[in-house]
Amino acid sequence: MVLTDQRFDRSEQTVRETGFVALVQSLGFGDALRFLAQLSSGQGDYLEWQEHIFGDASVDEVYEQAREHWEARHD
């Protein structure tokens, strides 16, 4: 299929909006967002970011910090 000579009737904005509506109707809002998030490769180096944020903390230490933070915000 050659697309170089094809003319499109819809604008890019209309295609995005129509496509998103179709995704939401088919998957629901939450799953449509999850699907779109999977299409993005993201930016930066995840391992470098993880090291910067968590350092040598264990899973238990990270969990405890998260629990304390949540409790402080919801008291």
N, C-alpha and C. Protein backbone atom coordinates (compact mmCIF):
# COMPACT_ATOMS: atom_id res chain seq x y z
N MET A 1 0.85 -1.17 0.00
CA MET A 1 0.00 0.00 0.00
C MET A 1 0.89 1.24 0.00
N VAL A 2 0.67 2.11 -0.92
CA VAL A 2 1.43 3.35 -1.01
C VAL A 2 0.57 4.49 -0.49
N LEU A 3 1.07 5.20 0.51
CA LEU A 3 0.30 6.28 1.11
C LEU A 3 0.75 7.66 0.65
N THR A 4 1.83 7.73 -0.10
CA THR A 4 2.38 9.04 -0.44
C THR A 4 1.46 9.86 -1.32
N ASP A 5 0.66 9.23 -2.15
CA ASP A 5 -0.23 9.96 -3.04
C ASP A 5 -1.66 10.02 -2.50
N GLN A 6 -1.90 9.44 -1.34
CA GLN A 6 -3.24 9.38 -0.79
C GLN A 6 -3.61 10.71 -0.14
N ARG A 7 -4.84 11.13 -0.33
CA ARG A 7 -5.34 12.34 0.31
C ARG A 7 -6.26 11.91 1.45
N PHE A 8 -6.14 12.58 2.57
CA PHE A 8 -6.92 12.24 3.74
C PHE A 8 -8.02 13.28 3.95
N ASP A 9 -9.20 12.79 4.30
CA ASP A 9 -10.34 13.67 4.51
C ASP A 9 -10.36 14.27 5.90
N ARG A 10 -9.76 13.61 6.87
CA ARG A 10 -9.80 14.07 8.26
C ARG A 10 -8.46 14.71 8.64
N SER A 11 -8.55 15.70 9.51
CA SER A 11 -7.32 16.32 10.03
C SER A 11 -6.67 15.39 11.04
N GLU A 12 -5.42 15.66 11.37
CA GLU A 12 -4.73 14.86 12.38
C GLU A 12 -5.46 14.93 13.72
N GLN A 13 -5.93 16.12 14.09
CA GLN A 13 -6.66 16.30 15.34
C GLN A 13 -7.93 15.45 15.35
N THR A 14 -8.67 15.44 14.26
CA THR A 14 -9.90 14.65 14.18
C THR A 14 -9.60 13.16 14.29
N VAL A 15 -8.53 12.72 13.65
CA VAL A 15 -8.14 11.31 13.74
C VAL A 15 -7.81 10.93 15.18
N ARG A 16 -7.05 11.80 15.88
CA ARG A 16 -6.71 11.52 17.29
C ARG A 16 -7.96 11.46 18.15
N GLU A 17 -8.85 12.44 17.99
CA GLU A 17 -10.06 12.49 18.82
C GLU A 17 -10.97 11.29 18.54
N THR A 18 -11.17 10.98 17.27
CA THR A 18 -12.03 9.85 16.90
C THR A 18 -11.43 8.53 17.40
N GLY A 19 -10.12 8.41 17.26
CA GLY A 19 -9.45 7.20 17.74
C GLY A 19 -9.56 7.04 19.24
N PHE A 20 -9.41 8.14 19.98
CA PHE A 20 -9.51 8.06 21.44
C PHE A 20 -10.92 7.70 21.86
N VAL A 21 -11.91 8.29 21.22
CA VAL A 21 -13.30 7.95 21.53
C VAL A 21 -13.55 6.47 21.27
N ALA A 22 -13.04 5.95 20.16
CA ALA A 22 -13.21 4.53 19.84
C ALA A 22 -12.55 3.66 20.91
N LEU A 23 -11.34 4.04 21.37
CA LEU A 23 -10.67 3.29 22.42
C LEU A 23 -11.48 3.30 23.71
N VAL A 24 -11.99 4.46 24.10
CA VAL A 24 -12.77 4.57 25.34
C VAL A 24 -14.04 3.75 25.23
N GLN A 25 -14.71 3.80 24.10
CA GLN A 25 -15.93 3.02 23.93
C GLN A 25 -15.65 1.53 23.97
N SER A 26 -14.52 1.12 23.45
CA SER A 26 -14.18 -0.30 23.41
C SER A 26 -13.60 -0.81 24.72
N LEU A 27 -12.70 -0.02 25.32
CA LEU A 27 -11.95 -0.49 26.48
C LEU A 27 -12.39 0.12 27.80
N GLY A 28 -13.08 1.24 27.76
CA GLY A 28 -13.35 2.02 28.96
C GLY A 28 -12.21 3.01 29.14
N PHE A 29 -12.47 4.07 29.92
CA PHE A 29 -11.50 5.16 30.04
C PHE A 29 -10.17 4.69 30.62
N GLY A 30 -10.22 3.97 31.73
CA GLY A 30 -8.99 3.55 32.39
C GLY A 30 -8.12 2.66 31.52
N ASP A 31 -8.72 1.65 30.90
CA ASP A 31 -7.94 0.75 30.05
C ASP A 31 -7.46 1.44 28.77
N ALA A 32 -8.23 2.42 28.27
CA ALA A 32 -7.77 3.18 27.11
C ALA A 32 -6.50 3.94 27.46
N LEU A 33 -6.47 4.55 28.66
CA LEU A 33 -5.26 5.26 29.10
C LEU A 33 -4.10 4.29 29.28
N ARG A 34 -4.38 3.11 29.85
CA ARG A 34 -3.32 2.11 30.01
C ARG A 34 -2.75 1.70 28.66
N PHE A 35 -3.63 1.52 27.67
CA PHE A 35 -3.19 1.15 26.33
C PHE A 35 -2.29 2.24 25.73
N LEU A 36 -2.73 3.48 25.84
CA LEU A 36 -1.94 4.58 25.28
C LEU A 36 -0.59 4.72 25.97
N ALA A 37 -0.55 4.48 27.27
CA ALA A 37 0.71 4.57 28.01
C ALA A 37 1.72 3.53 27.50
N GLN A 38 1.22 2.39 27.05
CA GLN A 38 2.12 1.35 26.55
C GLN A 38 2.76 1.73 25.23
N LEU A 39 2.17 2.68 24.51
CA LEU A 39 2.72 3.09 23.22
C LEU A 39 3.90 4.03 23.36
N SER A 40 4.03 4.66 24.53
CA SER A 40 5.12 5.60 24.76
C SER A 40 6.35 4.87 25.29
N SER A 41 7.47 5.15 24.69
CA SER A 41 8.71 4.50 25.15
C SER A 41 9.31 5.22 26.35
N GLY A 42 8.75 6.37 26.70
CA GLY A 42 9.27 7.10 27.85
C GLY A 42 10.55 7.84 27.51
N GLN A 43 11.13 8.46 28.51
CA GLN A 43 12.35 9.22 28.31
C GLN A 43 13.34 8.90 29.41
N GLY A 44 14.59 9.05 29.10
CA GLY A 44 15.62 8.89 30.11
C GLY A 44 15.99 7.44 30.38
N ASP A 45 16.83 7.26 31.34
CA ASP A 45 17.34 5.95 31.73
C ASP A 45 16.66 5.53 33.02
N TYR A 46 15.77 4.55 32.94
CA TYR A 46 15.00 4.12 34.11
C TYR A 46 15.92 3.63 35.22
N LEU A 47 16.95 2.89 34.90
CA LEU A 47 17.83 2.34 35.92
C LEU A 47 18.59 3.46 36.65
N GLU A 48 18.98 4.48 35.91
CA GLU A 48 19.65 5.63 36.55
C GLU A 48 18.67 6.36 37.48
N TRP A 49 17.43 6.54 37.01
CA TRP A 49 16.39 7.19 37.81
C TRP A 49 16.12 6.37 39.07
N GLN A 50 16.00 5.06 38.92
CA GLN A 50 15.73 4.17 40.05
C GLN A 50 16.85 4.26 41.08
N GLU A 51 18.08 4.28 40.63
CA GLU A 51 19.23 4.39 41.55
C GLU A 51 19.20 5.73 42.27
N HIS A 52 18.87 6.79 41.54
CA HIS A 52 18.81 8.13 42.14
C HIS A 52 17.71 8.21 43.20
N ILE A 53 16.56 7.63 42.94
CA ILE A 53 15.41 7.72 43.85
C ILE A 53 15.56 6.77 45.03
N PHE A 54 15.90 5.51 44.77
CA PHE A 54 15.87 4.49 45.81
C PHE A 54 17.23 4.11 46.37
N GLY A 55 18.29 4.38 45.63
CA GLY A 55 19.62 4.04 46.11
C GLY A 55 19.72 2.56 46.46
N ASP A 56 20.25 2.26 47.64
CA ASP A 56 20.42 0.87 48.07
C ASP A 56 19.29 0.41 48.98
N ALA A 57 18.18 1.14 49.03
CA ALA A 57 17.06 0.78 49.92
C ALA A 57 16.46 -0.56 49.49
N SER A 58 16.10 -1.35 50.48
CA SER A 58 15.44 -2.62 50.20
C SER A 58 13.96 -2.36 49.89
N VAL A 59 13.28 -3.37 49.40
CA VAL A 59 11.85 -3.26 49.14
C VAL A 59 11.11 -2.95 50.43
N ASP A 60 11.51 -3.59 51.51
CA ASP A 60 10.87 -3.34 52.81
C ASP A 60 11.05 -1.89 53.25
N GLU A 61 12.23 -1.33 53.03
CA GLU A 61 12.49 0.06 53.41
C GLU A 61 11.65 1.02 52.56
N VAL A 62 11.56 0.75 51.28
CA VAL A 62 10.74 1.59 50.40
C VAL A 62 9.28 1.50 50.81
N TYR A 63 8.82 0.28 51.10
CA TYR A 63 7.43 0.09 51.54
C TYR A 63 7.17 0.88 52.83
N GLU A 64 8.06 0.80 53.77
CA GLU A 64 7.88 1.48 55.05
C GLU A 64 7.82 3.01 54.85
N GLN A 65 8.69 3.53 54.01
CA GLN A 65 8.67 4.96 53.72
C GLN A 65 7.35 5.36 53.06
N ALA A 66 6.88 4.56 52.13
CA ALA A 66 5.62 4.84 51.45
C ALA A 66 4.45 4.79 52.43
N ARG A 67 4.46 3.80 53.31
CA ARG A 67 3.39 3.66 54.32
C ARG A 67 3.37 4.87 55.24
N GLU A 68 4.54 5.28 55.72
CA GLU A 68 4.62 6.43 56.62
C GLU A 68 4.15 7.70 55.91
N HIS A 69 4.55 7.86 54.68
CA HIS A 69 4.12 9.03 53.91
C HIS A 69 2.60 9.04 53.74
N TRP A 70 2.03 7.89 53.38
CA TRP A 70 0.58 7.80 53.19
C TRP A 70 -0.15 8.10 54.49
N GLU A 71 0.32 7.53 55.58
CA GLU A 71 -0.35 7.74 56.87
C GLU A 71 -0.27 9.22 57.29
N ALA A 72 0.85 9.87 57.04
CA ALA A 72 1.01 11.28 57.39
C ALA A 72 0.04 12.16 56.60
N ARG A 73 -0.23 11.78 55.38
CA ARG A 73 -1.14 12.58 54.53
C ARG A 73 -2.60 12.30 54.84
N HIS A 74 -2.90 11.15 55.44
CA HIS A 74 -4.31 10.76 55.64
C HIS A 74 -4.72 10.72 57.10
N ASP A 75 -3.97 11.37 57.96
CA ASP A 75 -4.35 11.43 59.39
C ASP A 75 -5.23 12.62 59.66
